[in-house]
């Protein structure tokens, strides 16, 4: 009787030669499309279209080659497409940078965890590893395998592609001498030179620029595709989908951690005691003595408190990571107490910003810093729900999701338009019953202590243009006319004849400026 042999552990199979050929073809196609779509005067719909085509290429290679994608990263393709489209709908440099950052983070996670592994249960080290892996893969392309398991020795090109490749290599070898001979023949015979000029009207600098763009994009695309469809990365190939779970070199015990957290709580509690008189002041802001001095105090203190909140998060994470597994009630209690005190400090910071906004108005720095503070508040709540309760692997995903949600909210909110609306309304003593059409400047009761900063407003992005046009009817004639002239000048720069640079916000602003009625402005 034969004894059954134990089943050998499954070994990840090397990708089929057809898959390698498809990866190369997809990278070359993305290189051509990227060189064409991204070489516009300014990135617009061309960028969104390129990202959409890149996502489509991933789906096509996935379905045609029947690659087994079981990781949580595969679900991030739709959010990636959303942020790529959102890039076209807001003109603010800050928002566009945030949308690009969100798209880059999602792309790294797709490459790192689409084959296997979870996104919801992953440590901070996994997210850092995803960014590093994507950066290395995009930088080194096909030179270093990076454990993706793509076997070049198994790639066999069919006869037709091989003939094309060899023919292209022969043409490339002959190209330098052809250029020299052609230049000599053109100098010897003007008619032959004219023929060459008609046949090859090449812009050498433009050709080199296109070639460089093509090479960079194709190289990066192949590196990322090779990682995505190759062997899963270490830490994501296991069946239990465990994360990297990096261990610290040294750890401290519960007593050391309790003492450290206790000292933090003592300092935070002392500061909170000094903030109570400002945080719970019942005096209306307009009746607060020494308003200018108080507003200056609010401006100076807000950013310091934001820095405290931002530094507290990595401090708590590092303390939790360095503490030995044994936990006590004191550690949990002190962690929750520190978070509670931090919330009081953050409330004080928001109160300061509210005061400063009422006195001096909104700016981009103030609104984005406030949004960052609110994101931190959500992250600290999630920290209390996960890390404090011993569920650290779930923390990073919640923090990332909160950050992506904050970018989505800011994109929908349109901060530049909000800045104009808030600053215009705060400069009025009372809101008018009806805002007339801006055919003429209508006298409106205004607050002389809080003038509208037209000089700053016209330097906002195209997102603010419709709000500025609506506010012109309630502004002084000098400000309204200054805004009109500035918008007309800016609209000339927003107009583009290249469809690749089309931007919805700029298109909307140009139409709003074009339909703006003439104002009755005083002579200059």
Protein backbone atom coordinates (compact mmCIF):
# COMPACT_ATOMS: atom_id res chain seq x y z
CA UNK A 1 0.00 0.00 0.00
CA UNK A 2 1.37 3.36 -1.03
CA UNK A 3 1.72 5.97 1.65
CA UNK A 4 0.30 9.32 0.51
CA UNK A 5 2.97 11.97 0.25
CA UNK A 6 2.39 15.29 2.02
CA UNK A 7 1.38 18.08 -0.26
CA UNK A 8 4.23 20.40 -1.05
CA UNK A 9 3.69 24.03 -0.17
CA UNK A 10 2.49 26.12 -3.04
CA UNK A 11 5.20 28.19 -4.67
CA UNK A 12 4.24 31.44 -6.36
CA UNK A 13 4.38 30.89 -10.09
CA UNK A 14 6.47 33.12 -12.31
CA UNK A 15 4.37 35.32 -14.61
CA UNK A 16 3.67 33.89 -18.05
CA UNK A 17 5.71 35.23 -20.95
CA UNK A 18 2.51 36.70 -22.43
CA UNK A 19 2.01 38.75 -19.28
CA UNK A 20 5.53 40.16 -19.54
CA UNK A 21 4.87 41.12 -23.16
CA UNK A 22 1.59 42.79 -22.19
CA UNK A 23 3.28 44.71 -19.39
CA UNK A 24 5.88 46.01 -21.82
CA UNK A 25 3.23 46.93 -24.40
CA UNK A 26 1.14 48.70 -21.77
CA UNK A 27 4.15 50.68 -20.53
CA UNK A 28 5.05 51.76 -24.07
CA UNK A 29 1.46 52.79 -24.77
CA UNK A 30 1.28 54.80 -21.55
CA UNK A 31 4.62 56.40 -22.45
CA UNK A 32 3.25 57.58 -25.81
CA UNK A 33 -0.05 58.79 -24.30
CA UNK A 34 1.65 60.46 -21.36
CA UNK A 35 4.12 62.27 -23.58
CA UNK A 36 1.18 63.61 -25.58
CA UNK A 37 -1.33 64.36 -22.83
CA UNK A 38 0.97 65.74 -20.12
CA UNK A 39 3.01 68.12 -22.27
CA UNK A 40 0.45 70.88 -22.14
CA UNK A 41 0.89 74.44 -20.92
CA UNK A 42 -0.78 73.44 -17.68
CA UNK A 43 -2.13 70.13 -16.49
CA UNK A 44 -5.86 69.87 -16.93
CA UNK A 45 -8.17 67.31 -18.42
CA UNK A 46 -5.17 65.71 -20.12
CA UNK A 47 -3.89 64.57 -16.72
CA UNK A 48 -7.28 63.15 -15.73
CA UNK A 49 -7.56 61.35 -19.07
CA UNK A 50 -4.07 59.87 -18.67
CA UNK A 51 -4.87 58.58 -15.19
CA UNK A 52 -8.11 57.09 -16.50
CA UNK A 53 -6.25 55.34 -19.32
CA UNK A 54 -3.68 54.04 -16.83
CA UNK A 55 -6.47 52.55 -14.70
CA UNK A 56 -8.02 51.06 -17.85
CA UNK A 57 -4.66 49.50 -18.80
CA UNK A 58 -4.43 47.87 -15.38
CA UNK A 59 -7.93 46.44 -15.72
CA UNK A 60 -7.26 45.15 -19.25
CA UNK A 61 -4.00 43.41 -18.30
CA UNK A 62 -5.73 42.01 -15.21
CA UNK A 63 -8.67 40.54 -17.11
CA UNK A 64 -6.81 39.36 -20.22
CA UNK A 65 -4.12 37.51 -18.27
CA UNK A 66 -6.51 36.38 -15.51
CA UNK A 67 -4.14 37.50 -12.77
CA UNK A 68 -5.40 36.60 -9.33
CA UNK A 69 -5.78 39.94 -7.55
CA UNK A 70 -7.13 39.25 -4.07
CA UNK A 71 -5.58 42.10 -2.09
CA UNK A 72 -7.46 45.03 -0.64
CA UNK A 73 -5.56 47.45 -2.87
CA UNK A 74 -7.67 46.52 -5.90
CA UNK A 75 -10.63 48.40 -4.43
CA UNK A 76 -8.69 51.67 -4.48
CA UNK A 77 -8.82 52.08 -8.26
CA UNK A 78 -12.16 53.95 -8.09
CA UNK A 79 -10.99 56.43 -5.38
CA UNK A 80 -7.85 57.00 -7.48
CA UNK A 81 -10.02 57.87 -10.48
CA UNK A 82 -12.06 60.26 -8.32
CA UNK A 83 -9.03 62.29 -7.20
CA UNK A 84 -7.71 62.35 -10.77
CA UNK A 85 -11.02 63.88 -11.93
CA UNK A 86 -11.21 66.23 -8.93
CA UNK A 87 -7.91 67.73 -10.08
CA UNK A 88 -9.76 69.33 -13.02
CA UNK A 89 -12.57 70.87 -10.97
CA UNK A 90 -10.57 73.11 -8.60
CA UNK A 91 -7.93 75.64 -9.62
CA UNK A 92 -6.48 76.27 -6.16
CA UNK A 93 -2.81 75.28 -6.09
CA UNK A 94 -3.21 73.85 -2.59
CA UNK A 95 -6.22 71.72 -3.55
CA UNK A 96 -4.55 70.47 -6.70
CA UNK A 97 -1.48 69.51 -4.68
CA UNK A 98 -3.68 67.68 -2.15
CA UNK A 99 -5.49 65.80 -4.91
CA UNK A 100 -2.17 64.81 -6.47
CA UNK A 101 -0.91 63.65 -3.07
CA UNK A 102 -4.05 61.57 -2.50
CA UNK A 103 -3.70 60.01 -5.97
CA UNK A 104 -0.02 59.18 -5.34
CA UNK A 105 -0.80 57.52 -1.98
CA UNK A 106 -3.61 55.46 -3.48
CA UNK A 107 -1.42 54.42 -6.42
CA UNK A 108 1.31 53.24 -4.05
CA UNK A 109 -1.19 51.20 -2.03
CA UNK A 110 -2.66 49.67 -5.19
CA UNK A 111 0.78 48.56 -6.35
CA UNK A 112 1.69 47.26 -2.90
CA UNK A 113 -1.49 45.45 -1.91
CA UNK A 114 -3.49 44.58 -5.03
CA UNK A 115 -2.07 41.06 -5.39
CA UNK A 116 -2.52 40.10 -1.74
CA UNK A 117 -2.79 41.62 1.71
CA UNK A 118 -5.28 43.88 3.42
CA UNK A 119 -5.53 47.65 3.47
CA UNK A 120 -7.84 47.96 6.47
CA UNK A 121 -5.50 46.00 8.75
CA UNK A 122 -2.03 47.38 8.11
CA UNK A 123 0.42 49.21 10.29
CA UNK A 124 2.01 52.58 9.68
CA UNK A 125 5.16 50.70 8.63
CA UNK A 126 3.18 49.02 5.84
CA UNK A 127 2.05 52.38 4.46
CA UNK A 128 5.62 53.69 4.59
CA UNK A 129 6.82 50.53 2.85
CA UNK A 130 4.19 51.00 0.15
CA UNK A 131 5.46 54.50 -0.61
CA UNK A 132 9.07 53.33 -0.67
CA UNK A 133 8.26 50.34 -2.87
CA UNK A 134 6.36 52.44 -5.41
CA UNK A 135 9.15 55.03 -5.49
CA UNK A 136 11.85 52.40 -6.05
CA UNK A 137 9.80 50.56 -8.66
CA UNK A 138 9.06 53.74 -10.60
CA UNK A 139 12.70 54.84 -10.38
CA UNK A 140 14.46 51.60 -11.28
CA UNK A 141 11.88 50.21 -13.68
CA UNK A 142 13.11 46.93 -15.17
CA UNK A 143 16.66 46.99 -13.81
CA UNK A 144 16.02 45.52 -10.35
CA UNK A 145 13.31 42.84 -9.90
CA UNK A 146 12.48 44.08 -6.38
CA UNK A 147 11.04 40.64 -5.50
CA UNK A 148 8.15 41.00 -7.94
CA UNK A 149 8.97 37.67 -9.54
CA UNK A 150 8.88 38.77 -13.19
CA UNK A 151 11.13 36.31 -15.02
CA UNK A 152 12.72 37.79 -18.12
CA UNK A 153 14.22 34.44 -19.05
CA UNK A 154 10.71 33.07 -19.55
CA UNK A 155 9.61 35.85 -21.88
CA UNK A 156 9.51 34.66 -25.50
CA UNK A 157 8.47 37.15 -28.11
CA UNK A 158 6.58 35.83 -31.12
CA UNK A 159 8.03 36.05 -34.61
CA UNK A 160 6.30 39.26 -35.75
CA UNK A 161 7.20 41.37 -32.67
CA UNK A 162 10.75 40.01 -32.87
CA UNK A 163 11.11 41.08 -36.51
CA UNK A 164 9.81 44.56 -35.69
CA UNK A 165 12.25 44.83 -32.78
CA UNK A 166 15.21 43.78 -34.94
CA UNK A 167 14.21 46.14 -37.75
CA UNK A 168 13.94 49.02 -35.29
CA UNK A 169 17.38 48.20 -33.91
CA UNK A 170 18.85 48.27 -37.45
CA UNK A 171 17.27 51.66 -38.13
CA UNK A 172 18.62 53.00 -34.85
CA UNK A 173 22.14 51.85 -35.79
CA UNK A 174 21.95 53.56 -39.18
CA UNK A 175 20.40 56.80 -37.90
CA UNK A 176 23.60 58.74 -37.01
CA UNK A 177 25.24 58.21 -40.39
CA UNK A 178 21.98 58.89 -42.23
CA UNK A 179 21.82 62.28 -40.55
CA UNK A 180 25.40 63.09 -41.56
CA UNK A 181 24.97 61.93 -45.16
CA UNK A 182 21.65 63.75 -45.47
CA UNK A 183 23.20 67.02 -44.29
CA UNK A 184 26.08 66.67 -46.80
CA UNK A 185 23.72 65.84 -49.68
CA UNK A 186 21.45 68.77 -48.78
CA UNK A 187 24.44 71.14 -48.83
CA UNK A 188 25.57 69.76 -52.21
CA UNK A 189 22.17 70.04 -53.95
CA UNK A 190 19.62 72.72 -52.96
CA UNK A 191 16.73 70.82 -54.57
CA UNK A 192 17.59 67.70 -52.58
CA UNK A 193 17.85 69.82 -49.46
CA UNK A 194 14.41 71.31 -50.15
CA UNK A 195 12.99 67.79 -50.54
CA UNK A 196 14.43 66.76 -47.19
CA UNK A 197 13.03 69.91 -45.60
CA UNK A 198 9.54 69.13 -46.89
CA UNK A 199 9.71 65.48 -45.85
CA UNK A 200 11.25 65.98 -42.43
CA UNK A 201 10.03 69.19 -40.85
CA UNK A 202 11.28 68.14 -37.46
CA UNK A 203 11.77 70.35 -34.50
CA UNK A 204 14.85 68.75 -32.97
CA UNK A 205 14.32 70.29 -29.54
CA UNK A 206 10.66 69.25 -29.59
CA UNK A 207 11.59 65.74 -30.70
CA UNK A 208 14.11 65.39 -27.88
CA UNK A 209 11.58 66.72 -25.38
CA UNK A 210 8.96 64.21 -26.52
CA UNK A 211 11.51 61.40 -26.38
CA UNK A 212 12.53 62.29 -22.83
CA UNK A 213 8.90 62.46 -21.64
CA UNK A 214 8.14 59.15 -23.36
CA UNK A 215 11.17 57.42 -21.85
CA UNK A 216 10.48 58.65 -18.30
CA UNK A 217 6.76 57.80 -18.32
CA UNK A 218 7.22 54.40 -20.00
CA UNK A 219 10.04 53.49 -17.60
CA UNK A 220 8.00 54.43 -14.52
CA UNK A 221 4.85 52.77 -15.87
CA UNK A 222 6.65 49.49 -16.52
CA UNK A 223 8.21 49.49 -13.07
CA UNK A 224 4.84 50.02 -11.38
CA UNK A 225 3.03 47.50 -13.59
CA UNK A 226 5.77 44.94 -12.94
CA UNK A 227 5.30 45.36 -9.20
CA UNK A 228 1.53 45.23 -9.46
CA UNK A 229 1.32 42.00 -11.48
CA UNK A 230 4.45 40.29 -10.18
CA UNK A 231 4.90 38.22 -7.06
CA UNK A 232 3.31 39.77 -3.93
CA UNK A 233 5.58 41.78 -1.71
CA UNK A 234 6.98 40.39 1.56
CA UNK A 235 4.41 40.93 4.27
CA UNK A 236 1.49 40.53 1.88
CA UNK A 237 2.04 37.05 0.41
CA UNK A 238 1.07 35.13 3.56
CA UNK A 239 -2.33 33.55 3.70
CA UNK A 240 -3.16 35.30 6.97
CA UNK A 241 -2.56 38.70 5.30
CA UNK A 242 -0.35 39.82 8.20
CA UNK A 243 1.49 43.14 8.05
CA UNK A 244 5.18 43.87 8.43
CA UNK A 245 4.85 44.32 12.21
CA UNK A 246 8.27 45.87 12.72
CA UNK A 247 9.70 45.42 16.21
CA UNK A 248 11.61 48.16 18.04
CA UNK A 249 15.26 47.65 18.95
CA UNK A 250 14.50 48.27 22.63
CA UNK A 251 11.31 48.55 24.66
CA UNK A 252 10.37 50.14 27.97
CA UNK A 253 8.17 48.78 30.70
CA UNK A 254 4.84 49.97 32.04
CA UNK A 255 6.41 52.01 34.87
CA UNK A 256 8.54 54.10 32.50
CA UNK A 257 5.59 54.66 30.18
CA UNK A 258 3.30 55.69 33.07
CA UNK A 259 5.86 58.22 34.33
CA UNK A 260 6.37 59.71 30.85
CA UNK A 261 2.64 59.99 30.15
CA UNK A 262 2.09 61.41 33.62
CA UNK A 263 4.57 64.23 32.97
CA UNK A 264 2.91 64.97 29.62
CA UNK A 265 -0.48 65.14 31.33
CA UNK A 266 0.88 67.47 34.03
CA UNK A 267 2.22 69.95 31.48
CA UNK A 268 -0.93 69.79 29.33
CA UNK A 269 -3.19 70.25 32.39
CA UNK A 270 -1.19 73.28 33.54
CA UNK A 271 -1.54 74.91 30.12
CA UNK A 272 -5.27 74.12 30.00
CA UNK A 273 -5.69 75.89 33.35
CA UNK A 274 -4.33 79.06 31.76
CA UNK A 275 -6.64 78.72 28.77
CA UNK A 276 -9.94 78.46 30.64
CA UNK A 277 -10.42 82.22 30.93
CA UNK A 278 -10.19 82.59 27.14
CA UNK A 279 -11.96 79.39 26.10
CA UNK A 280 -15.04 79.95 28.25
CA UNK A 281 -15.17 83.74 28.11
CA UNK A 282 -18.80 84.94 28.00
CA UNK A 283 -17.97 88.45 26.76
CA UNK A 284 -18.94 89.01 23.12
CA UNK A 285 -15.94 89.39 20.87
CA UNK A 286 -16.90 92.89 19.86
CA UNK A 287 -17.01 93.96 23.52
CA UNK A 288 -13.76 92.30 24.57
CA UNK A 289 -11.31 94.91 25.91
CA UNK A 290 -8.11 95.27 23.99
CA UNK A 291 -9.41 93.55 20.85
CA UNK A 292 -6.33 94.18 18.71
CA UNK A 293 -3.99 92.86 21.38
CA UNK A 294 -6.24 89.84 21.94
CA UNK A 295 -6.40 89.17 18.19
CA UNK A 296 -2.62 89.35 17.96
CA UNK A 297 -2.41 86.89 20.85
CA UNK A 298 -4.83 84.59 19.02
CA UNK A 299 -2.83 84.73 15.80
CA UNK A 300 0.44 84.05 17.59
CA UNK A 301 -0.92 81.17 19.67
CA UNK A 302 -2.94 79.28 17.06
CA UNK A 303 -0.08 77.89 15.01
CA UNK A 304 1.89 76.92 18.12
CA UNK A 305 -1.09 74.91 19.35
CA UNK A 306 -1.46 73.26 15.94
CA UNK A 307 2.19 72.23 16.18
CA UNK A 308 1.56 70.78 19.67
CA UNK A 309 -1.38 68.73 18.38
CA UNK A 310 0.61 67.52 15.36
CA UNK A 311 3.59 66.47 17.50
CA UNK A 312 1.42 64.72 20.08
CA UNK A 313 0.23 62.09 17.59
CA UNK A 314 3.66 60.67 16.64
CA UNK A 315 4.69 60.94 20.30
CA UNK A 316 1.77 58.76 21.41
CA UNK A 317 2.33 56.30 18.55
CA UNK A 318 6.02 56.00 19.37
CA UNK A 319 5.28 55.55 23.07
CA UNK A 320 2.79 52.79 22.34
CA UNK A 321 5.25 51.08 19.96
CA UNK A 322 8.16 51.24 22.45
CA UNK A 323 6.14 49.97 25.42
CA UNK A 324 6.25 46.25 26.16
CA UNK A 325 3.09 44.27 25.38
CA UNK A 326 1.96 44.18 29.00
CA UNK A 327 -0.50 47.01 29.56
CA UNK A 328 -2.07 48.42 32.71
CA UNK A 329 -5.18 50.42 33.38
CA UNK A 330 -2.94 53.35 34.25
CA UNK A 331 -1.50 53.43 30.75
CA UNK A 332 -4.93 53.42 29.13
CA UNK A 333 -6.27 55.99 31.59
CA UNK A 334 -3.32 58.36 31.11
CA UNK A 335 -3.51 58.03 27.32
CA UNK A 336 -7.21 58.89 27.33
CA UNK A 337 -6.62 61.76 29.77
CA UNK A 338 -3.89 63.19 27.53
CA UNK A 339 -6.19 63.00 24.52
CA UNK A 340 -8.95 64.72 26.52
CA UNK A 341 -6.59 67.54 27.55
CA UNK A 342 -5.41 67.83 23.96
CA UNK A 343 -9.01 68.28 22.82
CA UNK A 344 -9.35 71.21 25.24
CA UNK A 345 -6.17 72.70 23.79
CA UNK A 346 -7.44 72.17 20.24
CA UNK A 347 -10.74 73.81 21.18
CA UNK A 348 -8.73 76.78 22.48
CA UNK A 349 -6.84 76.92 19.19
CA UNK A 350 -10.08 76.88 17.18
CA UNK A 351 -11.47 79.62 19.42
CA UNK A 352 -8.38 81.71 18.71
CA UNK A 353 -8.77 81.19 14.96
CA UNK A 354 -12.47 82.08 15.15
CA UNK A 355 -11.58 85.33 16.89
CA UNK A 356 -8.81 86.14 14.47
CA UNK A 357 -11.05 85.40 11.47
CA UNK A 358 -13.74 87.76 12.76
CA UNK A 359 -11.19 90.54 13.11
CA UNK A 360 -9.00 89.99 10.05
CA UNK A 361 -10.95 87.61 7.81
CA UNK A 362 -10.19 84.25 6.23
CA UNK A 363 -7.09 83.33 4.23
CA UNK A 364 -5.93 80.13 2.59
CA UNK A 365 -3.41 79.46 5.36
CA UNK A 366 -6.03 79.88 8.07
CA UNK A 367 -8.67 77.70 6.43
CA UNK A 368 -6.28 74.85 5.54
CA UNK A 369 -4.65 74.92 8.97
CA UNK A 370 -8.10 74.73 10.58
CA UNK A 371 -8.96 71.77 8.33
CA UNK A 372 -5.72 70.10 9.40
CA UNK A 373 -6.67 70.63 13.04
CA UNK A 374 -10.10 69.06 12.51
CA UNK A 375 -8.49 66.09 10.77
CA UNK A 376 -6.18 65.66 13.75
CA UNK A 377 -9.22 65.67 16.04
CA UNK A 378 -10.77 62.81 14.05
CA UNK A 379 -7.46 60.93 14.09
CA UNK A 380 -7.17 61.24 17.89
CA UNK A 381 -10.69 59.88 18.30
CA UNK A 382 -9.72 56.95 16.08
CA UNK A 383 -6.52 56.52 18.12
CA UNK A 384 -8.58 56.18 21.30
CA UNK A 385 -10.85 53.62 19.60
CA UNK A 386 -8.05 51.50 18.14
CA UNK A 387 -4.56 51.90 19.66
CA UNK A 388 -5.66 52.49 23.25
CA UNK A 389 -7.85 49.37 23.03
CA UNK A 390 -5.02 47.23 21.63
CA UNK A 391 -6.13 47.35 17.97
CA UNK A 392 -3.11 49.21 16.59
CA UNK A 393 -3.09 47.53 13.10
CA UNK A 394 -6.42 49.23 12.31
CA UNK A 395 -5.19 52.75 13.12
CA UNK A 396 -3.34 53.65 9.92
CA UNK A 397 -6.27 52.87 7.63
CA UNK A 398 -8.67 55.05 9.64
CA UNK A 399 -6.20 57.95 9.71
CA UNK A 400 -5.69 57.68 5.95
CA UNK A 401 -9.43 57.43 5.29
CA UNK A 402 -10.03 60.54 7.41
CA UNK A 403 -7.35 62.42 5.46
CA UNK A 404 -8.82 61.42 2.10
CA UNK A 405 -12.30 62.40 3.33
CA UNK A 406 -10.94 65.80 4.40
CA UNK A 407 -9.54 66.38 0.89
CA UNK A 408 -12.90 65.42 -0.62
CA UNK A 409 -14.74 67.84 1.69
CA UNK A 410 -12.32 70.66 0.88
CA UNK A 411 -12.71 70.00 -2.84
CA UNK A 412 -16.50 70.16 -2.59
CA UNK A 413 -16.37 73.16 -0.23
CA UNK A 414 -14.31 75.34 -2.62
CA UNK A 415 -12.15 77.20 -0.05
CA UNK A 416 -11.28 80.17 -2.29
CA UNK A 417 -14.94 80.98 -2.91
CA UNK A 418 -15.65 80.56 0.81
CA UNK A 419 -12.87 83.01 1.67
CA UNK A 420 -14.42 85.66 -0.57
CA UNK A 421 -17.93 85.09 0.79
CA UNK A 422 -16.85 85.25 4.45
CA UNK A 423 -14.62 88.29 4.00
CA UNK A 424 -17.26 90.16 2.02
CA UNK A 425 -20.01 89.46 4.57
CA UNK A 426 -17.89 90.38 7.60
CA UNK A 427 -17.16 93.80 6.10
CA UNK A 428 -20.88 94.68 6.16
CA UNK A 429 -22.63 96.22 9.13
CA UNK A 430 -25.81 94.40 8.10
CA UNK A 431 -26.54 92.13 5.20
CA UNK A 432 -28.64 93.80 2.46
CA UNK A 433 -32.15 92.46 1.93
CA UNK A 434 -31.46 91.83 -1.73
CA UNK A 435 -28.20 91.99 -3.64
CA UNK A 436 -28.74 93.92 -6.88
CA UNK A 437 -27.21 92.91 -10.16
CA UNK A 438 -23.70 94.30 -10.49
CA UNK A 439 -24.53 96.86 -13.18
CA UNK A 440 -23.64 99.62 -10.76
CA UNK A 441 -22.14 99.89 -7.34
CA UNK A 442 -24.91 100.22 -4.74
CA UNK A 443 -24.19 102.03 -1.48
CA UNK A 444 -24.28 99.53 1.37
CA UNK A 445 -23.69 100.08 5.07
CA UNK A 446 -20.15 98.91 5.75
CA UNK A 447 -17.95 98.35 8.76
CA UNK A 448 -14.94 100.68 8.43
CA UNK A 449 -12.95 98.63 10.95
CA UNK A 450 -13.18 95.50 8.82
CA UNK A 451 -12.56 96.46 5.18
CA UNK A 452 -12.62 93.92 2.38
CA UNK A 453 -9.09 93.07 1.21
CA UNK A 454 -9.55 93.27 -2.55
CA UNK A 455 -5.80 93.12 -3.15
CA UNK A 456 -5.65 89.65 -1.57
CA UNK A 457 -8.94 88.42 -3.03
CA UNK A 458 -7.98 88.94 -6.69
CA UNK A 459 -4.84 86.85 -6.12
CA UNK A 460 -6.86 83.77 -5.31
CA UNK A 461 -7.40 81.12 -7.96
CA UNK A 462 -10.11 80.98 -10.60
CA UNK A 463 -12.29 79.18 -8.05
CA UNK A 464 -12.98 82.57 -6.42
CA UNK A 465 -14.01 84.44 -9.57
CA UNK A 466 -17.82 83.76 -9.46
CA UNK A 467 -17.94 84.63 -5.75
CA UNK A 468 -15.99 87.85 -6.39
CA UNK A 469 -18.40 88.87 -9.14
CA UNK A 470 -21.38 88.27 -6.81
CA UNK A 471 -19.73 90.30 -4.04
CA UNK A 472 -18.92 93.29 -6.24
CA UNK A 473 -22.43 94.73 -5.86
CA UNK A 474 -21.92 95.21 -2.11
CA UNK A 475 -18.36 96.53 -2.24
CA UNK A 476 -17.18 100.15 -2.45
CA UNK A 477 -16.81 101.48 -5.97
CA UNK A 478 -13.04 101.58 -5.78
CA UNK A 479 -12.80 97.92 -4.72
CA UNK A 480 -15.42 96.74 -7.22
CA UNK A 481 -13.68 98.44 -10.13
CA UNK A 482 -10.29 97.14 -9.01
CA UNK A 483 -11.70 93.59 -8.86
CA UNK A 484 -13.29 93.96 -12.29
CA UNK A 485 -10.03 95.06 -13.92
CA UNK A 486 -8.07 92.32 -12.15
CA UNK A 487 -10.53 89.60 -13.20
CA UNK A 488 -10.47 90.75 -16.82
CA UNK A 489 -6.67 90.59 -16.81
CA UNK A 490 -6.64 87.19 -15.10
CA UNK A 491 -9.20 85.76 -17.52
CA UNK A 492 -6.76 86.25 -20.39
CA UNK A 493 -4.38 83.83 -18.67
CA UNK A 494 -7.15 81.35 -17.92
CA UNK A 495 -8.11 81.01 -21.59
CA UNK A 496 -6.37 78.15 -23.38
CA UNK A 497 -6.59 76.82 -26.92
CA UNK A 498 -5.09 73.46 -25.98
CA UNK A 499 -7.85 71.06 -25.00
CA UNK A 500 -5.38 69.09 -22.87
CA UNK A 501 -5.17 72.08 -20.52
CA UNK A 502 -8.95 72.40 -20.16
CA UNK A 503 -9.86 73.11 -16.56
CA UNK A 504 -13.49 73.30 -15.48
CA UNK A 505 -12.97 75.97 -12.83
CA UNK A 506 -11.07 78.24 -15.21
CA UNK A 507 -13.63 77.69 -17.97
CA UNK A 508 -16.40 78.64 -15.53
CA UNK A 509 -14.47 81.71 -14.39
CA UNK A 510 -13.84 82.88 -17.96
CA UNK A 511 -17.56 82.62 -18.78
CA UNK A 512 -18.48 84.46 -15.56
CA UNK A 513 -16.07 87.29 -16.37
CA UNK A 514 -17.28 87.42 -19.97
CA UNK A 515 -20.91 87.83 -18.88
CA UNK A 516 -20.08 90.41 -16.19
CA UNK A 517 -21.98 93.66 -16.86
CA UNK A 518 -20.05 96.89 -17.11
CA UNK A 519 -19.64 98.88 -13.91
CA UNK A 520 -20.02 102.62 -13.50
CA UNK A 521 -16.57 103.32 -12.15
CA UNK A 522 -15.26 106.72 -11.10
CA UNK A 523 -12.55 108.19 -13.34
CA UNK A 524 -9.02 107.21 -12.41
